[in-house]
ModelCIF file with pLDDT and N, C-alpha, C, O atoms, coordinates in Angstrom:
data_MODEL
#
_entry.id   MODEL 
#
_entity.id                         1 
_entity.type                       polymer 
_entity.pdbx_number_of_molecules   1 
#
_entity_poly.entity_id                      1 
_entity_poly.type                           'polypeptide(L)' 
_entity_poly.nstd_linkage                   no 
_entity_poly.nstd_monomer                   no 
_entity_poly.pdbx_seq_one_letter_code       
;(UNK)(UNK)(UNK)(UNK)(UNK)(UNK)(UNK)(UNK)(UNK)(UNK)(UNK)(UNK)(UNK)(UNK)(UNK)(UNK)
(UNK)(UNK)(UNK)(UNK)(UNK)(UNK)(UNK)(UNK)(UNK)(UNK)(UNK)(UNK)(UNK)(UNK)(UNK)(UNK)
(UNK)
;
_entity_poly.pdbx_seq_one_letter_code_can   XXXXXXXXXXXXXXXXXXXXXXXXXXXXXXXXX 
_entity_poly.pdbx_strand_id                 A 
#
loop_
_entity_poly_seq.entity_id 
_entity_poly_seq.num 
_entity_poly_seq.mon_id 
_entity_poly_seq.hetero 
1 1  UNK n 
1 2  UNK n 
1 3  UNK n 
1 4  UNK n 
1 5  UNK n 
1 6  UNK n 
1 7  UNK n 
1 8  UNK n 
1 9  UNK n 
1 10 UNK n 
1 11 UNK n 
1 12 UNK n 
1 13 UNK n 
1 14 UNK n 
1 15 UNK n 
1 16 UNK n 
1 17 UNK n 
1 18 UNK n 
1 19 UNK n 
1 20 UNK n 
1 21 UNK n 
1 22 UNK n 
1 23 UNK n 
1 24 UNK n 
1 25 UNK n 
1 26 UNK n 
1 27 UNK n 
1 28 UNK n 
1 29 UNK n 
1 30 UNK n 
1 31 UNK n 
1 32 UNK n 
1 33 UNK n 
#
_struct_asym.id          A 
_struct_asym.entity_id   1 
#
loop_
_ma_qa_metric.id 
_ma_qa_metric.mode 
_ma_qa_metric.name 
_ma_qa_metric.software_group_id 
_ma_qa_metric.type 
1 global pLDDT . pLDDT 
2 local  pLDDT . pLDDT 
#
_ma_qa_metric_global.metric_id      1 
_ma_qa_metric_global.metric_value   92.48 
_ma_qa_metric_global.model_id       1 
_ma_qa_metric_global.ordinal_id     1 
#
loop_
_ma_qa_metric_local.label_asym_id 
_ma_qa_metric_local.label_comp_id 
_ma_qa_metric_local.label_seq_id 
_ma_qa_metric_local.metric_id 
_ma_qa_metric_local.metric_value 
_ma_qa_metric_local.model_id 
_ma_qa_metric_local.ordinal_id 
A UNK 1  2 94.00 1 1  
A UNK 2  2 95.00 1 2  
A UNK 3  2 95.00 1 3  
A UNK 4  2 95.00 1 4  
A UNK 5  2 94.00 1 5  
A UNK 6  2 95.00 1 6  
A UNK 7  2 96.00 1 7  
A UNK 8  2 95.00 1 8  
A UNK 9  2 94.00 1 9  
A UNK 10 2 95.00 1 10 
A UNK 11 2 95.00 1 11 
A UNK 12 2 94.00 1 12 
A UNK 13 2 95.00 1 13 
A UNK 14 2 95.00 1 14 
A UNK 15 2 94.00 1 15 
A UNK 16 2 93.00 1 16 
A UNK 17 2 92.00 1 17 
A UNK 18 2 92.00 1 18 
A UNK 19 2 90.00 1 19 
A UNK 20 2 86.00 1 20 
A UNK 21 2 85.00 1 21 
A UNK 22 2 86.00 1 22 
A UNK 23 2 86.00 1 23 
A UNK 24 2 88.00 1 24 
A UNK 25 2 90.00 1 25 
A UNK 26 2 93.00 1 26 
A UNK 27 2 93.00 1 27 
A UNK 28 2 93.00 1 28 
A UNK 29 2 92.00 1 29 
A UNK 30 2 93.00 1 30 
A UNK 31 2 93.00 1 31 
A UNK 32 2 93.00 1 32 
A UNK 33 2 93.00 1 33 
#
loop_
_atom_site.group_PDB 
_atom_site.id 
_atom_site.type_symbol 
_atom_site.label_atom_id 
_atom_site.label_alt_id 
_atom_site.label_comp_id 
_atom_site.label_asym_id 
_atom_site.label_entity_id 
_atom_site.label_seq_id 
_atom_site.pdbx_PDB_ins_code 
_atom_site.Cartn_x 
_atom_site.Cartn_y 
_atom_site.Cartn_z 
_atom_site.occupancy 
_atom_site.B_iso_or_equiv 
_atom_site.pdbx_formal_charge 
_atom_site.auth_seq_id 
_atom_site.auth_comp_id 
_atom_site.auth_asym_id 
_atom_site.auth_atom_id 
_atom_site.pdbx_PDB_model_num 
ATOM 1   N N  . UNK A 1 1  ? 82.464  113.696 53.253 1.00 94.00 ? 1  UNK A N  1 
ATOM 2   C CA . UNK A 1 1  ? 81.157  113.541 52.599 1.00 94.00 ? 1  UNK A CA 1 
ATOM 3   C C  . UNK A 1 1  ? 80.015  113.566 53.607 1.00 94.00 ? 1  UNK A C  1 
ATOM 4   O O  . UNK A 1 1  ? 78.873  113.269 53.256 1.00 94.00 ? 1  UNK A O  1 
ATOM 5   N N  . UNK A 1 2  ? 80.311  113.916 54.849 1.00 95.00 ? 2  UNK A N  1 
ATOM 6   C CA . UNK A 1 2  ? 79.331  113.807 55.926 1.00 95.00 ? 2  UNK A CA 1 
ATOM 7   C C  . UNK A 1 2  ? 78.804  115.157 56.395 1.00 95.00 ? 2  UNK A C  1 
ATOM 8   O O  . UNK A 1 2  ? 77.593  115.334 56.529 1.00 95.00 ? 2  UNK A O  1 
ATOM 9   N N  . UNK A 1 3  ? 79.699  116.109 56.644 1.00 95.00 ? 3  UNK A N  1 
ATOM 10  C CA . UNK A 1 3  ? 79.333  117.303 57.422 1.00 95.00 ? 3  UNK A CA 1 
ATOM 11  C C  . UNK A 1 3  ? 79.413  118.578 56.600 1.00 95.00 ? 3  UNK A C  1 
ATOM 12  O O  . UNK A 1 3  ? 80.062  118.638 55.556 1.00 95.00 ? 3  UNK A O  1 
ATOM 13  N N  . UNK A 1 4  ? 78.729  119.594 57.107 1.00 95.00 ? 4  UNK A N  1 
ATOM 14  C CA . UNK A 1 4  ? 78.773  120.906 56.467 1.00 95.00 ? 4  UNK A CA 1 
ATOM 15  C C  . UNK A 1 4  ? 80.101  121.599 56.784 1.00 95.00 ? 4  UNK A C  1 
ATOM 16  O O  . UNK A 1 4  ? 80.839  121.173 57.672 1.00 95.00 ? 4  UNK A O  1 
ATOM 17  N N  . UNK A 1 5  ? 80.393  122.674 56.043 1.00 94.00 ? 5  UNK A N  1 
ATOM 18  C CA . UNK A 1 5  ? 81.656  123.403 56.228 1.00 94.00 ? 5  UNK A CA 1 
ATOM 19  C C  . UNK A 1 5  ? 81.752  124.012 57.626 1.00 94.00 ? 5  UNK A C  1 
ATOM 20  O O  . UNK A 1 5  ? 82.834  124.048 58.211 1.00 94.00 ? 5  UNK A O  1 
ATOM 21  N N  . UNK A 1 6  ? 80.623  124.495 58.169 1.00 95.00 ? 6  UNK A N  1 
ATOM 22  C CA . UNK A 1 6  ? 80.645  125.121 59.502 1.00 95.00 ? 6  UNK A CA 1 
ATOM 23  C C  . UNK A 1 6  ? 81.092  124.104 60.560 1.00 95.00 ? 6  UNK A C  1 
ATOM 24  O O  . UNK A 1 6  ? 81.879  124.432 61.449 1.00 95.00 ? 6  UNK A O  1 
ATOM 25  N N  . UNK A 1 7  ? 80.589  122.879 60.460 1.00 96.00 ? 7  UNK A N  1 
ATOM 26  C CA . UNK A 1 7  ? 80.954  121.828 61.423 1.00 96.00 ? 7  UNK A CA 1 
ATOM 27  C C  . UNK A 1 7  ? 82.428  121.439 61.255 1.00 96.00 ? 7  UNK A C  1 
ATOM 28  O O  . UNK A 1 7  ? 83.148  121.280 62.241 1.00 96.00 ? 7  UNK A O  1 
ATOM 29  N N  . UNK A 1 8  ? 82.867  121.287 60.007 1.00 95.00 ? 8  UNK A N  1 
ATOM 30  C CA . UNK A 1 8  ? 84.259  120.889 59.764 1.00 95.00 ? 8  UNK A CA 1 
ATOM 31  C C  . UNK A 1 8  ? 85.244  121.969 60.187 1.00 95.00 ? 8  UNK A C  1 
ATOM 32  O O  . UNK A 1 8  ? 86.342  121.668 60.656 1.00 95.00 ? 8  UNK A O  1 
ATOM 33  N N  . UNK A 1 9  ? 84.849  123.229 60.019 1.00 94.00 ? 9  UNK A N  1 
ATOM 34  C CA . UNK A 1 9  ? 85.746  124.323 60.431 1.00 94.00 ? 9  UNK A CA 1 
ATOM 35  C C  . UNK A 1 9  ? 85.986  124.252 61.948 1.00 94.00 ? 9  UNK A C  1 
ATOM 36  O O  . UNK A 1 9  ? 87.116  124.402 62.415 1.00 94.00 ? 9  UNK A O  1 
ATOM 37  N N  . UNK A 1 10 ? 84.907  124.023 62.704 1.00 95.00 ? 10 UNK A N  1 
ATOM 38  C CA . UNK A 1 10 ? 85.041  123.898 64.164 1.00 95.00 ? 10 UNK A CA 1 
ATOM 39  C C  . UNK A 1 10 ? 85.946  122.711 64.515 1.00 95.00 ? 10 UNK A C  1 
ATOM 40  O O  . UNK A 1 10 ? 86.783  122.812 65.411 1.00 95.00 ? 10 UNK A O  1 
ATOM 41  N N  . UNK A 1 11 ? 85.774  121.579 63.802 1.00 95.00 ? 11 UNK A N  1 
ATOM 42  C CA . UNK A 1 11 ? 86.595  120.390 64.057 1.00 95.00 ? 11 UNK A CA 1 
ATOM 43  C C  . UNK A 1 11 ? 88.068  120.663 63.749 1.00 95.00 ? 11 UNK A C  1 
ATOM 44  O O  . UNK A 1 11 ? 88.950  120.325 64.539 1.00 95.00 ? 11 UNK A O  1 
ATOM 45  N N  . UNK A 1 12 ? 88.324  121.277 62.594 1.00 94.00 ? 12 UNK A N  1 
ATOM 46  C CA . UNK A 1 12 ? 89.713  121.577 62.203 1.00 94.00 ? 12 UNK A CA 1 
ATOM 47  C C  . UNK A 1 12 ? 90.385  122.523 63.196 1.00 94.00 ? 12 UNK A C  1 
ATOM 48  O O  . UNK A 1 12 ? 91.567  122.371 63.506 1.00 94.00 ? 12 UNK A O  1 
ATOM 49  N N  . UNK A 1 13 ? 89.623  123.503 63.693 1.00 95.00 ? 13 UNK A N  1 
ATOM 50  C CA . UNK A 1 13 ? 90.205  124.470 64.642 1.00 95.00 ? 13 UNK A CA 1 
ATOM 51  C C  . UNK A 1 13 ? 90.583  123.776 65.952 1.00 95.00 ? 13 UNK A C  1 
ATOM 52  O O  . UNK A 1 13 ? 91.648  124.036 66.513 1.00 95.00 ? 13 UNK A O  1 
ATOM 53  N N  . UNK A 1 14 ? 89.702  122.887 66.438 1.00 95.00 ? 14 UNK A N  1 
ATOM 54  C CA . UNK A 1 14 ? 89.989  122.184 67.695 1.00 95.00 ? 14 UNK A CA 1 
ATOM 55  C C  . UNK A 1 14 ? 91.235  121.319 67.555 1.00 95.00 ? 14 UNK A C  1 
ATOM 56  O O  . UNK A 1 14 ? 92.140  121.391 68.386 1.00 95.00 ? 14 UNK A O  1 
ATOM 57  N N  . UNK A 1 15 ? 91.284  120.500 66.502 1.00 94.00 ? 15 UNK A N  1 
ATOM 58  C CA . UNK A 1 15 ? 92.371  119.525 66.382 1.00 94.00 ? 15 UNK A CA 1 
ATOM 59  C C  . UNK A 1 15 ? 93.694  120.202 66.042 1.00 94.00 ? 15 UNK A C  1 
ATOM 60  O O  . UNK A 1 15 ? 94.756  119.600 66.200 1.00 94.00 ? 15 UNK A O  1 
ATOM 61  N N  . UNK A 1 16 ? 93.638  121.439 65.581 1.00 93.00 ? 16 UNK A N  1 
ATOM 62  C CA . UNK A 1 16 ? 94.879  122.180 65.295 1.00 93.00 ? 16 UNK A CA 1 
ATOM 63  C C  . UNK A 1 16 ? 95.700  122.384 66.565 1.00 93.00 ? 16 UNK A C  1 
ATOM 64  O O  . UNK A 1 16 ? 96.895  122.665 66.486 1.00 93.00 ? 16 UNK A O  1 
ATOM 65  N N  . UNK A 1 17 ? 95.069  122.247 67.741 1.00 92.00 ? 17 UNK A N  1 
ATOM 66  C CA . UNK A 1 17 ? 95.785  122.388 69.007 1.00 92.00 ? 17 UNK A CA 1 
ATOM 67  C C  . UNK A 1 17 ? 96.696  121.216 69.325 1.00 92.00 ? 17 UNK A C  1 
ATOM 68  O O  . UNK A 1 17 ? 97.506  121.301 70.248 1.00 92.00 ? 17 UNK A O  1 
ATOM 69  N N  . UNK A 1 18 ? 96.581  120.109 68.572 1.00 92.00 ? 18 UNK A N  1 
ATOM 70  C CA . UNK A 1 18 ? 97.442  118.934 68.784 1.00 92.00 ? 18 UNK A CA 1 
ATOM 71  C C  . UNK A 1 18 ? 98.623  118.948 67.822 1.00 92.00 ? 18 UNK A C  1 
ATOM 72  O O  . UNK A 1 18 ? 98.490  119.413 66.690 1.00 92.00 ? 18 UNK A O  1 
ATOM 73  N N  . UNK A 1 19 ? 99.789  118.440 68.259 1.00 90.00 ? 19 UNK A N  1 
ATOM 74  C CA . UNK A 1 19 ? 100.909 118.315 67.314 1.00 90.00 ? 19 UNK A CA 1 
ATOM 75  C C  . UNK A 1 19 ? 100.537 117.334 66.209 1.00 90.00 ? 19 UNK A C  1 
ATOM 76  O O  . UNK A 1 19 ? 99.825  116.363 66.463 1.00 90.00 ? 19 UNK A O  1 
ATOM 77  N N  . UNK A 1 20 ? 101.004 117.570 64.999 1.00 86.00 ? 20 UNK A N  1 
ATOM 78  C CA . UNK A 1 20 ? 100.632 116.754 63.843 1.00 86.00 ? 20 UNK A CA 1 
ATOM 79  C C  . UNK A 1 20 ? 101.693 115.701 63.536 1.00 86.00 ? 20 UNK A C  1 
ATOM 80  O O  . UNK A 1 20 ? 102.887 115.999 63.519 1.00 86.00 ? 20 UNK A O  1 
ATOM 81  N N  . UNK A 1 21 ? 101.248 114.470 63.295 1.00 85.00 ? 21 UNK A N  1 
ATOM 82  C CA . UNK A 1 21 ? 102.158 113.454 62.763 1.00 85.00 ? 21 UNK A CA 1 
ATOM 83  C C  . UNK A 1 21 ? 102.196 113.604 61.245 1.00 85.00 ? 21 UNK A C  1 
ATOM 84  O O  . UNK A 1 21 ? 103.263 113.586 60.630 1.00 85.00 ? 21 UNK A O  1 
ATOM 85  N N  . UNK A 1 22 ? 101.005 113.753 60.650 1.00 86.00 ? 22 UNK A N  1 
ATOM 86  C CA . UNK A 1 22 ? 100.875 113.965 59.208 1.00 86.00 ? 22 UNK A CA 1 
ATOM 87  C C  . UNK A 1 22 ? 99.897  115.120 59.004 1.00 86.00 ? 22 UNK A C  1 
ATOM 88  O O  . UNK A 1 22 ? 98.930  115.258 59.752 1.00 86.00 ? 22 UNK A O  1 
ATOM 89  N N  . UNK A 1 23 ? 100.148 115.936 58.003 1.00 86.00 ? 23 UNK A N  1 
ATOM 90  C CA . UNK A 1 23 ? 99.263  117.070 57.728 1.00 86.00 ? 23 UNK A CA 1 
ATOM 91  C C  . UNK A 1 23 ? 97.976  116.591 57.057 1.00 86.00 ? 23 UNK A C  1 
ATOM 92  O O  . UNK A 1 23 ? 97.999  115.746 56.162 1.00 86.00 ? 23 UNK A O  1 
ATOM 93  N N  . UNK A 1 24 ? 96.854  117.150 57.510 1.00 88.00 ? 24 UNK A N  1 
ATOM 94  C CA . UNK A 1 24 ? 95.544  116.803 56.933 1.00 88.00 ? 24 UNK A CA 1 
ATOM 95  C C  . UNK A 1 24 ? 94.541  117.857 57.376 1.00 88.00 ? 24 UNK A C  1 
ATOM 96  O O  . UNK A 1 24 ? 94.529  118.240 58.546 1.00 88.00 ? 24 UNK A O  1 
ATOM 97  N N  . UNK A 1 25 ? 93.697  118.332 56.462 1.00 90.00 ? 25 UNK A N  1 
ATOM 98  C CA . UNK A 1 25 ? 92.666  119.303 56.837 1.00 90.00 ? 25 UNK A CA 1 
ATOM 99  C C  . UNK A 1 25 ? 91.381  118.966 56.076 1.00 90.00 ? 25 UNK A C  1 
ATOM 100 O O  . UNK A 1 25 ? 91.354  118.975 54.845 1.00 90.00 ? 25 UNK A O  1 
ATOM 101 N N  . UNK A 1 26 ? 90.325  118.671 56.827 1.00 93.00 ? 26 UNK A N  1 
ATOM 102 C CA . UNK A 1 26 ? 89.066  118.258 56.200 1.00 93.00 ? 26 UNK A CA 1 
ATOM 103 C C  . UNK A 1 26 ? 88.372  119.427 55.504 1.00 93.00 ? 26 UNK A C  1 
ATOM 104 O O  . UNK A 1 26 ? 88.413  120.564 55.973 1.00 93.00 ? 26 UNK A O  1 
ATOM 105 N N  . UNK A 1 27 ? 87.730  119.119 54.369 1.00 93.00 ? 27 UNK A N  1 
ATOM 106 C CA . UNK A 1 27 ? 86.890  120.108 53.694 1.00 93.00 ? 27 UNK A CA 1 
ATOM 107 C C  . UNK A 1 27 ? 85.687  119.384 53.099 1.00 93.00 ? 27 UNK A C  1 
ATOM 108 O O  . UNK A 1 27 ? 85.686  118.163 52.948 1.00 93.00 ? 27 UNK A O  1 
ATOM 109 N N  . UNK A 1 28 ? 84.672  120.165 52.768 1.00 93.00 ? 28 UNK A N  1 
ATOM 110 C CA . UNK A 1 28 ? 83.417  119.579 52.279 1.00 93.00 ? 28 UNK A CA 1 
ATOM 111 C C  . UNK A 1 28 ? 82.826  120.480 51.215 1.00 93.00 ? 28 UNK A C  1 
ATOM 112 O O  . UNK A 1 28 ? 82.989  121.699 51.262 1.00 93.00 ? 28 UNK A O  1 
ATOM 113 N N  . UNK A 1 29 ? 82.135  119.878 50.250 1.00 92.00 ? 29 UNK A N  1 
ATOM 114 C CA . UNK A 1 29 ? 81.401  120.710 49.283 1.00 92.00 ? 29 UNK A CA 1 
ATOM 115 C C  . UNK A 1 29 ? 79.891  120.612 49.526 1.00 92.00 ? 29 UNK A C  1 
ATOM 116 O O  . UNK A 1 29 ? 79.088  120.778 48.608 1.00 92.00 ? 29 UNK A O  1 
ATOM 117 N N  . UNK A 1 30 ? 79.524  120.335 50.792 1.00 93.00 ? 30 UNK A N  1 
ATOM 118 C CA . UNK A 1 30 ? 78.094  120.229 51.142 1.00 93.00 ? 30 UNK A CA 1 
ATOM 119 C C  . UNK A 1 30 ? 77.503  121.575 51.551 1.00 93.00 ? 30 UNK A C  1 
ATOM 120 O O  . UNK A 1 30 ? 76.357  121.636 51.996 1.00 93.00 ? 30 UNK A O  1 
ATOM 121 N N  . UNK A 1 31 ? 78.277  122.658 51.403 1.00 93.00 ? 31 UNK A N  1 
ATOM 122 C CA . UNK A 1 31 ? 77.753  123.989 51.746 1.00 93.00 ? 31 UNK A CA 1 
ATOM 123 C C  . UNK A 1 31 ? 78.102  124.391 53.163 1.00 93.00 ? 31 UNK A C  1 
ATOM 124 O O  . UNK A 1 31 ? 78.575  123.577 53.956 1.00 93.00 ? 31 UNK A O  1 
ATOM 125 N N  . UNK A 1 32 ? 77.862  125.673 53.478 1.00 93.00 ? 32 UNK A N  1 
ATOM 126 C CA . UNK A 1 32 ? 78.223  126.228 54.780 1.00 93.00 ? 32 UNK A CA 1 
ATOM 127 C C  . UNK A 1 32 ? 77.386  125.620 55.897 1.00 93.00 ? 32 UNK A C  1 
ATOM 128 O O  . UNK A 1 32 ? 77.928  125.238 56.935 1.00 93.00 ? 32 UNK A O  1 
ATOM 129 N N  . UNK A 1 33 ? 76.080  125.527 55.701 1.00 93.00 ? 33 UNK A N  1 
ATOM 130 C CA . UNK A 1 33 ? 75.207  124.931 56.716 1.00 93.00 ? 33 UNK A CA 1 
ATOM 131 C C  . UNK A 1 33 ? 74.983  125.849 57.907 1.00 93.00 ? 33 UNK A C  1 
ATOM 132 O O  . UNK A 1 33 ? 74.270  125.484 58.842 1.00 93.00 ? 33 UNK A O  1 
#
């Protein structure tokens, strides 16, 4: 509920480089920004 899609996409791409304990991918309906 905080960030635009452009910011979250960058965050998701960075953290994808770490091994996952649990699957999770942030999304937002606040627009592309």
